[in-house]
Amino acid sequence: MLAVGIGPGREVIVPSMTFCATVQAILAVGATPRLVDIDPSTLCVSDRLVTLGVTDRTAAVIPVLFGGQARRPLRRPGGTR
């Protein structure tokens, strides 16, 4: 993030369900993490949810895949989605 000028006064969007190191990397450069909700069917952020979180201070988005699965709907008990 330092290489692209992200630092104090800037926000970085991350999923609300993420590993603590993701937020720590943002804090380490002096930026502010902006947590956005996840889509409950994928446990990942969606383009709609990220767009709702963007502000004038947003400098970047760090998408985090849950369990290495990008946009795969979760299976509910009984095999339904």
Protein backbone atom coordinates (compact mmCIF):
# COMPACT_ATOMS: atom_id res chain seq x y z
CA MET A 1 0.00 0.00 0.00
CA LEU A 2 2.90 2.35 0.69
CA ALA A 3 4.13 1.86 -2.87
CA VAL A 4 0.91 3.36 -4.25
CA GLY A 5 0.68 6.18 -1.72
CA ILE A 6 -1.96 4.81 0.63
CA GLY A 7 -1.51 6.20 4.13
CA PRO A 8 -3.04 8.52 6.72
CA GLY A 9 -6.35 10.07 5.73
CA ARG A 10 -7.19 7.29 3.28
CA GLU A 11 -9.58 4.35 3.68
CA VAL A 12 -9.20 0.80 2.47
CA ILE A 13 -12.30 -1.34 2.07
CA VAL A 14 -12.15 -4.88 3.47
CA PRO A 15 -14.81 -7.51 4.16
CA SER A 16 -16.22 -7.54 7.68
CA MET A 17 -15.35 -11.24 7.80
CA THR A 18 -11.59 -11.23 7.35
CA PHE A 19 -8.38 -12.29 9.03
CA CYS A 20 -6.90 -9.81 11.50
CA ALA A 21 -3.70 -9.44 9.45
CA THR A 22 -5.69 -7.80 6.64
CA VAL A 23 -6.78 -4.99 8.95
CA GLN A 24 -3.33 -4.82 10.57
CA ALA A 25 -1.67 -4.18 7.19
CA ILE A 26 -4.00 -1.20 6.65
CA LEU A 27 -3.32 0.18 10.11
CA ALA A 28 0.44 -0.29 9.66
CA VAL A 29 0.50 2.28 6.84
CA GLY A 30 -1.68 4.70 8.81
CA ALA A 31 -4.80 4.22 6.70
CA THR A 32 -8.28 3.47 8.06
CA PRO A 33 -9.94 0.10 7.44
CA ARG A 34 -13.53 0.44 6.23
CA LEU A 35 -15.36 -2.81 6.91
CA VAL A 36 -18.17 -3.71 4.53
CA ASP A 37 -20.75 -6.45 4.95
CA ILE A 38 -20.44 -9.79 3.22
CA ASP A 39 -22.97 -11.60 1.08
CA PRO A 40 -24.27 -14.39 3.34
CA SER A 41 -24.58 -16.80 0.40
CA THR A 42 -20.87 -16.55 -0.51
CA LEU A 43 -19.24 -15.18 2.68
CA CYS A 44 -17.43 -12.70 0.39
CA VAL A 45 -18.00 -9.06 -0.54
CA SER A 46 -19.98 -8.29 -3.66
CA ASP A 47 -19.59 -5.44 -6.12
CA ARG A 48 -22.82 -3.91 -4.80
CA LEU A 49 -21.69 -3.99 -1.17
CA VAL A 50 -18.26 -2.56 -2.01
CA THR A 51 -19.84 0.24 -4.05
CA LEU A 52 -22.03 1.16 -1.07
CA GLY A 53 -18.90 1.43 1.10
CA VAL A 54 -16.91 3.76 -1.18
CA THR A 55 -16.35 7.31 0.08
CA ASP A 56 -14.23 10.26 -1.06
CA ARG A 57 -11.44 8.91 1.15
CA THR A 58 -11.44 5.38 -0.32
CA ALA A 59 -8.06 4.51 -1.83
CA ALA A 60 -8.28 0.74 -2.31
CA VAL A 61 -10.29 -2.44 -1.86
CA ILE A 62 -8.79 -5.64 -0.47
CA PRO A 63 -11.11 -8.54 -1.31
CA VAL A 64 -10.61 -11.55 0.94
CA LEU A 65 -11.77 -14.99 -0.16
CA PHE A 66 -13.35 -17.11 2.54
CA GLY A 67 -11.75 -20.55 2.51
CA GLY A 68 -10.34 -19.93 -0.97
CA GLN A 69 -13.80 -19.87 -2.53
CA ALA A 70 -14.70 -16.86 -4.67
CA ARG A 71 -18.44 -16.31 -5.15
CA ARG A 72 -19.44 -19.95 -4.69
CA PRO A 73 -22.82 -20.16 -2.96
CA LEU A 74 -22.83 -22.12 0.28
CA ARG A 75 -24.65 -25.41 0.46
CA ARG A 76 -27.28 -25.63 3.14
CA PRO A 77 -28.08 -28.87 5.00
CA GLY A 78 -30.05 -31.11 2.68
CA GLY A 79 -28.06 -30.10 -0.42
CA THR A 80 -29.96 -26.92 -1.26
CA ARG A 81 -28.33 -23.56 -1.92
